[in-house]
C-alpha cells in the first residue's frame, strides 16, 4: 500500500518521503522490515514511546496522534521513514482495515463466530479451501476489537477467499466487527455459556451471536440446527444450511480412535481427521455446510480433511509411551468442558481415563452453579481420576462422590500429586481450563514437552 494514498484515505497529514509498505503492526517487538507501525494507547502503555525502536527494526513508516510528537521529533524520525498524523490511531487502524476491505476482489468473505469451536472451524474451512484456492485467514485468534482490524488490515486483497474469526464478550461487539468486515457468508458454530461476566445473561449472549447475520453484505449462512428457530427472523432472504442433529449436514456416527484420530461417516463416506473430539465433528459438519452452500461437492475435499492438524491446545492428541494426552488447554467454558468430558469418555482402546481440569473463568454469578454441573457430569462418566486446579473447581470436587478426586489451589502441589501415579501406560489424559489457568503447564508432568 502506498503511503500517500493511505494519508489521503485517513485524512491525515503526510511527513517524509512517500513509501510503499507491506503489512501493518501494532507490536514493537514483532514488527518486521517494510511494515507500517500503528502505535496504540492503552491503560498501561503508549505505543508512541516505541516509534524510534520500530524504525531501528526496519519499519518504513508510522502513524502518530496529533500533539504526541514535537516538530523536532517529527523531523528527526521522518529522515528515514514516512509518517502520517491522525486524530486517533485506533480509529486509523480501522480505517486501514476498511481500505483493505474495499480492495478485496475475491469470491467470498467468510465470518465465523460462536461460543466454542470458532478457531477450529475457521482453520478447517480455510484449510479445505486452500487446497484449490488462494485463502487468507485470521492469524491465530485475532478476533477482538483490536485483533480483527489488524488482521483485516493485513489481508491479501488478491486471495479468492477470506476466512475471519469474530469474538465477543458483550453485546454489540460482533455487530461492530461485522460492520467493518462486511462478510458475505456467516457461520455460527455454537451458542453456550461463555463470557457471561461481560454479557450479563444468556439472553444477551444469544442476541449477540445473532449479530453475525446482520450485515447487509451477508447473503449466505451456516447455522446449528438447534438454534435455527432463534435466528430465523435474521435469515430471511439468505441462502442458508443447518448442521447438527436433524440438520442439512449431520454426522451421527463417529469413533474416537486410540491413535488420536476421529473417524466419521458422512453420507455413506468415511472421513478421517487427525484430531479428537466432538468439537472436530461439529467443525466438520459446519465446514461441509460451507462447501455445500458455496456450491462445491464436499466429497472432492476428502483428502484435505485427512491432513488437517488444527491449532495448538485445541483437542490436540499427543502420544506418549503407551498412553495418550489430549491438550485442550487453550480455553474452557461450560459448553466446551461438557464436550471434552464426553469425548474423554468415548475414546477407544484405553483402560483408564484421567481428567486434569482448571477453572472456567468469566462466568459471573453463574460460576459456582456451572462448576457444580461439571462435577455432576464427571460423576456420571467413566472417567476414573480427576485432578482439579483453581479456586472454583473446589465446587466441582464437591459434586464428585465416587471418583478419585484431587483438588488444590496450588498448581505445584497438584503437579506433585499427579506425578506420584502418572503417567501410566494404557491411560488417556485430557487437560483443559480457561486461558488464564495456563493448564498446559501440566504437560511436562505427563512427559510431554510444551
Protein backbone atom coordinates (compact mmCIF):
# COMPACT_ATOMS: atom_id res chain seq x y z
CA UNK A 1 0.00 0.00 0.00
CA UNK A 2 1.27 3.48 -0.87
CA UNK A 3 1.71 5.97 1.98
CA UNK A 4 0.23 8.98 0.14
CA UNK A 5 -2.91 7.01 -0.66
CA UNK A 6 -3.18 5.98 2.98
CA UNK A 7 -2.79 9.56 4.22
CA UNK A 8 -5.49 10.78 1.85
CA UNK A 9 -7.89 7.99 2.87
CA UNK A 10 -7.32 8.65 6.59
CA UNK A 11 -7.50 12.43 6.05
CA UNK A 12 -4.14 12.70 7.77
CA UNK A 13 -1.02 14.78 7.19
CA UNK A 14 1.89 13.05 5.45
CA UNK A 15 5.51 13.62 6.50
CA UNK A 16 8.70 12.35 4.88
CA UNK A 17 9.26 10.72 1.51
CA UNK A 18 6.32 8.65 0.17
CA UNK A 19 6.90 4.93 0.54
CA UNK A 20 5.15 1.65 -0.12
CA UNK A 21 4.65 -0.54 2.94
CA UNK A 22 3.80 -4.23 3.14
CA UNK A 23 1.89 -5.01 6.28
CA UNK A 24 0.74 -3.34 9.48
CA UNK A 25 1.97 -3.95 13.03
CA UNK A 26 0.90 -2.70 16.46
CA UNK A 27 3.62 -4.59 18.35
CA UNK A 28 7.05 -3.00 18.62
CA UNK A 29 8.62 -6.37 19.49
CA UNK A 30 7.37 -8.24 16.43
CA UNK A 31 7.33 -5.51 13.78
CA UNK A 32 9.06 -6.60 10.58
CA UNK A 33 11.01 -4.79 7.91
CA UNK A 34 8.82 -2.96 5.41
CA UNK A 35 5.82 -2.65 7.74
CA UNK A 36 3.79 0.31 8.96
CA UNK A 37 3.69 0.73 12.75
CA UNK A 38 0.44 1.88 14.36
CA UNK A 39 1.08 2.96 17.98
CA UNK A 40 -1.97 2.33 20.14
CA UNK A 41 -2.62 3.76 23.58
CA UNK A 42 -3.62 1.54 26.50
CA UNK A 43 -4.09 1.95 30.23
CA UNK A 44 -0.51 0.90 30.94
CA UNK A 45 1.35 1.82 27.77
CA UNK A 46 1.55 4.22 24.87
CA UNK A 47 2.89 2.85 21.60
CA UNK A 48 4.23 6.28 20.64
CA UNK A 49 7.16 5.70 23.01
CA UNK A 50 8.36 2.82 20.81
CA UNK A 51 8.42 4.60 17.43
CA UNK A 52 12.20 5.03 17.44
CA UNK A 53 12.65 1.36 18.31
CA UNK A 54 10.42 0.07 15.48
CA UNK A 55 12.27 2.18 12.92
CA UNK A 56 15.50 0.51 14.01
CA UNK A 57 13.77 -2.83 13.43
CA UNK A 58 13.01 -1.91 9.84
CA UNK A 59 9.55 -0.32 9.88
CA UNK A 60 9.25 2.06 6.91
CA UNK A 61 6.54 4.26 8.36
CA UNK A 62 4.36 5.03 11.35
CA UNK A 63 1.17 6.78 12.37
CA UNK A 64 1.01 9.19 15.27
CA UNK A 65 -1.68 11.18 17.02
CA UNK A 66 -1.80 14.94 16.77
CA UNK A 67 0.14 16.52 19.63
CA UNK A 68 2.06 13.37 20.55
CA UNK A 69 5.30 14.39 18.80
CA UNK A 70 7.07 17.73 18.68
CA UNK A 71 8.09 19.26 15.31
CA UNK A 72 11.73 18.39 16.02
CA UNK A 73 10.82 14.77 16.81
CA UNK A 74 8.80 14.50 13.60
CA UNK A 75 11.69 15.93 11.59
CA UNK A 76 14.18 13.52 13.15
CA UNK A 77 12.01 10.40 12.84
CA UNK A 78 11.00 11.05 9.22
CA UNK A 79 14.56 11.27 7.94
CA UNK A 80 14.38 7.54 7.23
CA UNK A 81 10.65 6.81 7.31
CA UNK A 82 7.32 8.35 6.41
CA UNK A 83 4.72 9.35 8.98
CA UNK A 84 1.01 10.13 8.91
CA UNK A 85 -0.51 12.35 11.57
CA UNK A 86 -4.06 11.35 12.60
CA UNK A 87 -6.56 12.22 15.31
CA UNK A 88 -6.78 8.72 16.80
CA UNK A 89 -4.53 5.78 15.92
CA UNK A 90 -7.10 3.10 16.82
CA UNK A 91 -9.67 4.70 14.52
CA UNK A 92 -6.93 4.96 11.90
CA UNK A 93 -6.22 1.22 12.23
CA UNK A 94 -9.89 0.57 11.50
CA UNK A 95 -9.59 2.99 8.59
CA UNK A 96 -6.74 0.92 7.11
CA UNK A 97 -8.93 -2.17 7.56
CA UNK A 98 -11.81 -0.50 5.69
CA UNK A 99 -9.48 0.47 2.87
CA UNK A 100 -8.23 -3.11 2.60
CA UNK A 101 -11.82 -4.38 2.58
CA UNK A 102 -12.61 -2.06 -0.34
CA UNK A 103 -9.68 -3.58 -2.24
CA UNK A 104 -10.99 -7.17 -1.96
CA UNK A 105 -11.75 -8.64 -5.37
CA UNK A 106 -12.11 -12.30 -4.41
CA UNK A 107 -15.10 -14.61 -4.29
CA UNK A 108 -16.26 -14.72 -0.68
CA UNK A 109 -15.58 -13.31 2.78
CA UNK A 110 -16.46 -15.86 5.46
CA UNK A 111 -17.05 -14.81 9.08
CA UNK A 112 -17.04 -17.41 11.87
CA UNK A 113 -18.26 -16.90 15.43
CA UNK A 114 -19.69 -18.98 18.29
CA UNK A 115 -19.31 -19.81 21.97
CA UNK A 116 -16.98 -22.72 21.21
CA UNK A 117 -15.15 -24.06 18.17
CA UNK A 118 -14.55 -20.73 16.40
CA UNK A 119 -10.85 -21.17 15.74
CA UNK A 120 -11.01 -24.86 14.81
CA UNK A 121 -13.90 -24.24 12.41
CA UNK A 122 -12.17 -21.21 10.88
CA UNK A 123 -8.95 -23.16 10.45
CA UNK A 124 -10.72 -26.17 8.91
CA UNK A 125 -12.69 -24.07 6.42
CA UNK A 126 -9.52 -22.22 5.39
CA UNK A 127 -7.54 -25.49 5.16
CA UNK A 128 -10.11 -27.09 2.85
CA UNK A 129 -10.48 -24.09 0.54
CA UNK A 130 -6.70 -23.62 0.38
CA UNK A 131 -6.38 -26.95 -1.42
CA UNK A 132 -7.86 -25.31 -4.50
CA UNK A 133 -7.89 -21.56 -4.00
CA UNK A 134 -5.94 -18.66 -2.59
CA UNK A 135 -7.03 -18.14 1.01
CA UNK A 136 -6.29 -15.52 3.65
CA UNK A 137 -7.36 -16.41 7.20
CA UNK A 138 -7.27 -14.71 10.58
CA UNK A 139 -3.79 -15.35 12.03
CA UNK A 140 -4.23 -17.31 15.28
CA UNK A 141 -7.26 -15.94 17.07
CA UNK A 142 -7.06 -12.22 16.24
CA UNK A 143 -10.81 -11.89 16.69
CA UNK A 144 -11.18 -8.95 19.08
CA UNK A 145 -12.00 -5.26 18.64
CA UNK A 146 -8.29 -4.67 18.01
CA UNK A 147 -7.33 -8.08 16.61
CA UNK A 148 -9.83 -8.20 13.75
CA UNK A 149 -9.00 -4.73 12.36
CA UNK A 150 -5.31 -5.68 12.48
CA UNK A 151 -5.97 -8.99 10.71
CA UNK A 152 -8.12 -7.23 8.11
CA UNK A 153 -5.51 -4.52 7.54
CA UNK A 154 -3.01 -7.28 6.68
CA UNK A 155 -5.35 -9.31 4.47
CA UNK A 156 -4.31 -10.27 0.95
CA UNK A 157 -6.74 -8.45 -1.39
CA UNK A 158 -5.91 -10.89 -4.19
CA UNK A 159 -6.96 -14.03 -2.29
CA UNK A 160 -10.04 -15.87 -3.55
CA UNK A 161 -11.43 -16.36 -0.05
CA UNK A 162 -11.05 -14.59 3.27
CA UNK A 163 -11.91 -16.56 6.42
CA UNK A 164 -12.18 -14.46 9.57
CA UNK A 165 -12.94 -15.27 13.18
CA UNK A 166 -15.09 -12.86 15.21
CA UNK A 167 -15.07 -12.86 19.02
CA UNK A 168 -17.21 -11.07 21.59
CA UNK A 169 -17.60 -10.65 25.32
CA UNK A 170 -20.58 -8.28 25.25
CA UNK A 171 -23.48 -7.23 23.02
CA UNK A 172 -22.54 -5.06 20.08
CA UNK A 173 -19.02 -6.48 19.62
CA UNK A 174 -19.88 -8.74 16.68
CA UNK A 175 -22.08 -6.07 15.13
CA UNK A 176 -19.15 -3.62 15.15
CA UNK A 177 -16.76 -6.18 13.70
CA UNK A 178 -19.28 -7.23 11.07
CA UNK A 179 -19.78 -3.63 10.01
CA UNK A 180 -16.03 -3.38 9.44
CA UNK A 181 -15.53 -6.76 7.74
CA UNK A 182 -18.74 -6.83 5.67
CA UNK A 183 -18.78 -10.64 5.32
CA UNK A 184 -20.74 -12.37 2.59
CA UNK A 185 -21.09 -15.74 4.35
CA UNK A 186 -21.63 -16.04 8.11
CA UNK A 187 -21.02 -19.20 10.14
CA UNK A 188 -22.28 -19.73 13.70
CA UNK A 189 -20.58 -22.69 15.39
CA UNK A 190 -22.48 -22.89 18.69
CA UNK A 191 -24.25 -20.91 21.38
CA UNK A 192 -23.41 -21.66 25.01
CA UNK A 193 -22.47 -20.04 28.29
CA UNK A 194 -19.21 -18.16 27.77
CA UNK A 195 -18.08 -14.67 28.86
CA UNK A 196 -21.28 -14.27 30.88
CA UNK A 197 -19.47 -11.74 33.04
CA UNK A 198 -19.49 -9.36 30.07
CA UNK A 199 -22.82 -10.34 28.53
CA UNK A 200 -24.69 -10.25 31.83
CA UNK A 201 -27.01 -13.15 31.00
CA UNK A 202 -27.59 -15.88 28.44
CA UNK A 203 -30.31 -13.92 26.63
CA UNK A 204 -27.83 -11.13 25.86
CA UNK A 205 -25.32 -13.71 24.65
CA UNK A 206 -27.95 -15.29 22.38
CA UNK A 207 -28.75 -11.91 20.84
CA UNK A 208 -25.06 -11.05 20.45
CA UNK A 209 -24.27 -14.18 18.43
CA UNK A 210 -27.10 -13.33 16.05
CA UNK A 211 -25.30 -10.11 15.14
CA UNK A 212 -23.18 -12.21 12.75
CA UNK A 213 -26.17 -12.27 10.36
CA UNK A 214 -26.96 -8.53 10.49
CA UNK A 215 -24.58 -7.00 7.88
CA UNK A 216 -26.47 -6.37 4.60
CA UNK A 217 -23.48 -7.91 2.81
CA UNK A 218 -24.31 -11.37 4.22
CA UNK A 219 -26.02 -13.44 1.52
CA UNK A 220 -25.29 -16.96 2.83
CA UNK A 221 -25.16 -18.58 6.25
CA UNK A 222 -24.39 -21.86 8.02
CA UNK A 223 -26.04 -22.35 11.42
CA UNK A 224 -26.60 -25.10 14.03
CA UNK A 225 -29.99 -26.74 13.60
CA UNK A 226 -30.76 -26.42 17.32
CA UNK A 227 -30.78 -22.61 17.18
CA UNK A 228 -32.37 -22.17 13.76
CA UNK A 229 -35.69 -21.01 15.22
CA UNK A 230 -33.94 -18.42 17.40
CA UNK A 231 -32.42 -16.73 14.37
CA UNK A 232 -34.94 -17.46 11.63
CA UNK A 233 -36.05 -13.81 11.63
CA UNK A 234 -32.48 -12.79 10.76
CA UNK A 235 -32.09 -15.36 7.99
CA UNK A 236 -34.92 -14.22 5.74
CA UNK A 237 -33.79 -13.89 2.14
CA UNK A 238 -30.46 -15.59 2.83
CA UNK A 239 -29.30 -18.88 1.34
CA UNK A 240 -28.52 -20.96 4.43
CA UNK A 241 -27.88 -24.52 5.57
CA UNK A 242 -28.14 -26.08 9.02
CA UNK A 243 -25.86 -28.65 10.64
CA UNK A 244 -26.05 -30.96 13.63
CA UNK A 245 -28.84 -33.28 14.70
CA UNK A 246 -31.69 -33.07 12.20
CA UNK A 247 -29.81 -30.53 10.07
CA UNK A 248 -28.88 -30.46 6.40
CA UNK A 249 -25.46 -31.80 7.38
CA UNK A 250 -25.44 -34.36 10.20
CA UNK A 251 -22.68 -36.69 11.35
CA UNK A 252 -24.34 -39.17 13.67
CA UNK A 253 -21.77 -41.97 13.50
CA UNK A 254 -18.19 -41.37 14.56
CA UNK A 255 -15.39 -43.00 16.55
CA UNK A 256 -12.52 -41.59 18.59
CA UNK A 257 -9.57 -43.89 17.94
CA UNK A 258 -6.69 -44.84 20.22
CA UNK A 259 -4.28 -43.29 17.72
CA UNK A 260 -5.72 -39.81 18.30
CA UNK A 261 -7.84 -39.70 15.15
CA UNK A 262 -11.57 -39.33 14.58
CA UNK A 263 -13.42 -41.47 12.03
CA UNK A 264 -16.71 -40.05 10.76
CA UNK A 265 -19.37 -41.42 8.46
CA UNK A 266 -20.80 -38.71 6.22
CA UNK A 267 -23.40 -39.59 3.60
CA UNK A 268 -22.03 -43.15 3.27
CA UNK A 269 -18.45 -41.92 3.02
CA UNK A 270 -15.72 -42.23 5.66
CA UNK A 271 -13.72 -39.19 6.74
CA UNK A 272 -10.59 -39.42 8.88
CA UNK A 273 -9.32 -36.36 10.74
CA UNK A 274 -6.14 -36.47 12.88
CA UNK A 275 -7.81 -34.72 15.83
CA UNK A 276 -10.14 -35.87 18.59
CA UNK A 277 -13.41 -34.65 19.99
CA UNK A 278 -16.98 -33.70 19.45
CA UNK A 279 -15.63 -30.29 18.50
CA UNK A 280 -13.93 -31.59 15.37
CA UNK A 281 -17.11 -33.49 14.45
CA UNK A 282 -19.09 -30.27 14.76
CA UNK A 283 -16.45 -28.26 12.89
CA UNK A 284 -16.56 -30.86 10.10
CA UNK A 285 -20.34 -30.52 9.86
CA UNK A 286 -20.04 -26.73 9.66
CA UNK A 287 -17.22 -26.89 7.09
CA UNK A 288 -19.19 -29.28 4.87
CA UNK A 289 -22.12 -26.88 5.21
CA UNK A 290 -19.90 -24.06 3.95
CA UNK A 291 -18.71 -26.12 0.98
CA UNK A 292 -22.29 -27.01 0.10
CA UNK A 293 -23.68 -23.50 0.40
CA UNK A 294 -20.84 -22.34 -1.86
CA UNK A 295 -21.85 -24.98 -4.40
CA UNK A 296 -18.78 -27.21 -4.04
CA UNK A 297 -19.09 -31.04 -3.96
CA UNK A 298 -17.66 -31.67 -0.48
CA UNK A 299 -16.59 -35.20 -1.45
CA UNK A 300 -13.83 -33.70 -3.59
CA UNK A 301 -12.18 -32.36 -0.41
CA UNK A 302 -11.94 -35.73 1.40
CA UNK A 303 -8.16 -35.90 1.20
CA UNK A 304 -7.85 -32.37 2.59
CA UNK A 305 -9.74 -33.40 5.74
CA UNK A 306 -7.14 -36.10 6.44
CA UNK A 307 -4.28 -33.57 6.52
CA UNK A 308 -5.89 -31.07 8.91
CA UNK A 309 -3.85 -30.61 12.10
CA UNK A 310 -5.75 -27.87 13.91
CA UNK A 311 -4.32 -25.35 16.34
CA UNK A 312 -2.24 -25.75 19.49
CA UNK A 313 -4.20 -26.52 22.65
CA UNK A 314 -7.47 -27.43 20.97
CA UNK A 315 -8.14 -31.16 21.45
CA UNK A 316 -4.57 -31.79 20.32
CA UNK A 317 -3.61 -35.51 20.58
CA UNK A 318 -0.08 -36.13 21.91
CA UNK A 319 1.12 -39.72 22.06
CA UNK A 320 3.30 -40.85 24.96
CA UNK A 321 4.84 -44.25 25.67
CA UNK A 322 1.70 -46.37 25.71
CA UNK A 323 -0.58 -43.50 26.72
CA UNK A 324 -2.33 -40.53 25.10
CA UNK A 325 -2.52 -36.93 26.29
CA UNK A 326 -5.15 -34.59 24.83
CA UNK A 327 -4.03 -30.99 25.14
CA UNK A 328 -7.20 -28.90 25.24
CA UNK A 329 -5.67 -26.24 27.46
CA UNK A 330 -6.31 -23.20 25.30
CA UNK A 331 -9.64 -22.25 26.88
CA UNK A 332 -12.77 -23.53 28.60
CA UNK A 333 -16.43 -22.75 29.17
CA UNK A 334 -19.36 -24.98 30.24
CA UNK A 335 -20.18 -25.96 26.65
CA UNK A 336 -16.63 -26.96 25.69
CA UNK A 337 -15.93 -28.70 29.02
CA UNK A 338 -19.06 -30.85 28.68
CA UNK A 339 -17.96 -31.76 25.15
CA UNK A 340 -14.45 -32.62 26.39
CA UNK A 341 -15.85 -34.89 29.12
CA UNK A 342 -18.00 -36.75 26.59
CA UNK A 343 -15.01 -37.09 24.26
CA UNK A 344 -12.73 -38.44 27.00
CA UNK A 345 -15.47 -40.93 27.88
CA UNK A 346 -15.69 -42.26 24.30
CA UNK A 347 -12.04 -42.65 23.27
CA UNK A 348 -11.38 -46.27 22.36
CA UNK A 349 -8.56 -48.54 23.45
CA UNK A 350 -7.57 -47.24 26.91
CA UNK A 351 -8.29 -48.83 30.26
CA UNK A 352 -8.02 -45.65 32.37
CA UNK A 353 -9.30 -42.12 31.82
CA UNK A 354 -7.91 -39.13 33.73
CA UNK A 355 -9.17 -35.53 33.59
CA UNK A 356 -6.97 -32.57 34.61
CA UNK A 357 -9.22 -29.53 34.80
CA UNK A 358 -8.78 -25.87 35.71
CA UNK A 359 -11.32 -23.15 36.48
CA UNK A 360 -13.77 -21.87 33.88
CA UNK A 361 -13.45 -18.09 34.15
CA UNK A 362 -15.71 -15.13 33.25
CA UNK A 363 -18.98 -16.86 34.18
CA UNK A 364 -20.18 -14.10 36.51
CA UNK A 365 -22.87 -15.01 39.02
CA UNK A 366 -23.30 -18.48 37.48
CA UNK A 367 -19.71 -19.59 38.15
CA UNK A 368 -20.47 -21.78 41.18
CA UNK A 369 -23.51 -23.45 39.62
CA UNK A 370 -21.66 -24.21 36.39
CA UNK A 371 -18.68 -25.74 38.21
CA UNK A 372 -21.04 -27.93 40.24
CA UNK A 373 -22.69 -29.10 37.00
CA UNK A 374 -19.29 -30.14 35.63
CA UNK A 375 -18.78 -32.28 38.73
CA UNK A 376 -22.14 -33.94 38.13
CA UNK A 377 -21.15 -34.70 34.52
CA UNK A 378 -17.87 -36.24 35.67
CA UNK A 379 -19.70 -38.30 38.29
CA UNK A 380 -21.89 -39.87 35.58
CA UNK A 381 -18.95 -40.54 33.23
CA UNK A 382 -16.46 -43.46 33.04
CA UNK A 383 -13.61 -41.10 34.00
CA UNK A 384 -11.74 -42.70 36.90
CA UNK A 385 -9.49 -39.94 38.23
CA UNK A 386 -9.81 -36.16 38.31
CA UNK A 387 -7.20 -33.53 39.17
CA UNK A 388 -8.71 -30.08 39.76
CA UNK A 389 -6.85 -26.77 39.94
CA UNK A 390 -8.03 -23.26 40.83
CA UNK A 391 -10.47 -21.60 43.17
CA UNK A 392 -13.74 -22.57 41.51
CA UNK A 393 -13.06 -26.24 40.79
CA UNK A 394 -13.39 -26.93 44.51
CA UNK A 395 -17.14 -26.83 43.83
CA UNK A 396 -16.63 -29.37 41.04
CA UNK A 397 -14.87 -31.65 43.51
CA UNK A 398 -17.80 -31.38 45.95
CA UNK A 399 -20.14 -32.83 43.32
CA UNK A 400 -17.87 -35.84 42.67
CA UNK A 401 -18.70 -38.71 45.03
CA UNK A 402 -17.38 -41.96 43.56
CA UNK A 403 -14.23 -40.96 41.64
CA UNK A 404 -10.70 -40.36 42.85
CA UNK A 405 -10.69 -36.57 43.04
CA UNK A 406 -7.61 -34.48 43.84
CA UNK A 407 -8.07 -30.74 44.31
CA UNK A 408 -5.60 -27.95 45.03
CA UNK A 409 -5.39 -24.20 44.51
CA UNK A 410 -1.60 -24.64 44.40
CA UNK A 411 -0.50 -25.73 40.93
CA UNK A 412 2.86 -27.12 42.04
CA UNK A 413 1.18 -29.18 44.75
CA UNK A 414 -1.30 -30.63 42.25
CA UNK A 415 1.55 -31.43 39.85
CA UNK A 416 3.24 -33.31 42.68
CA UNK A 417 0.07 -35.31 43.37
CA UNK A 418 -0.27 -36.11 39.67
CA UNK A 419 3.37 -37.18 39.32
CA UNK A 420 3.05 -39.77 42.13
CA UNK A 421 0.86 -42.01 39.98
CA UNK A 422 1.25 -40.78 36.41
CA UNK A 423 1.90 -41.04 33.56
CA UNK A 424 0.78 -44.66 33.20
CA UNK A 425 0.51 -46.89 30.17
CA UNK A 426 -2.95 -47.77 28.86
CA UNK A 427 -4.27 -44.39 30.05
CA UNK A 428 -5.78 -41.41 28.24
CA UNK A 429 -5.44 -37.95 29.81
CA UNK A 430 -7.29 -34.75 28.96
CA UNK A 431 -6.05 -31.32 30.10
CA UNK A 432 -8.42 -28.35 29.97
CA UNK A 433 -9.09 -24.98 31.59
CA UNK A 434 -9.60 -21.31 30.84
CA UNK A 435 -6.68 -19.48 29.26
CA UNK A 436 -5.85 -17.69 32.48
CA UNK A 437 -5.26 -21.02 34.24
CA UNK A 438 -2.34 -21.98 31.92
CA UNK A 439 -3.17 -25.67 32.20
CA UNK A 440 -0.52 -26.56 29.60
CA UNK A 441 1.95 -26.33 32.49
CA UNK A 442 0.78 -29.83 33.49
CA UNK A 443 2.07 -31.32 30.21
CA UNK A 444 5.70 -31.83 31.39
CA UNK A 445 4.40 -33.74 34.43
CA UNK A 446 2.97 -36.23 31.93
CA UNK A 447 6.22 -36.42 29.97
CA UNK A 448 5.11 -34.07 27.18
CA UNK A 449 7.23 -31.05 26.25
CA UNK A 450 5.42 -27.72 25.98
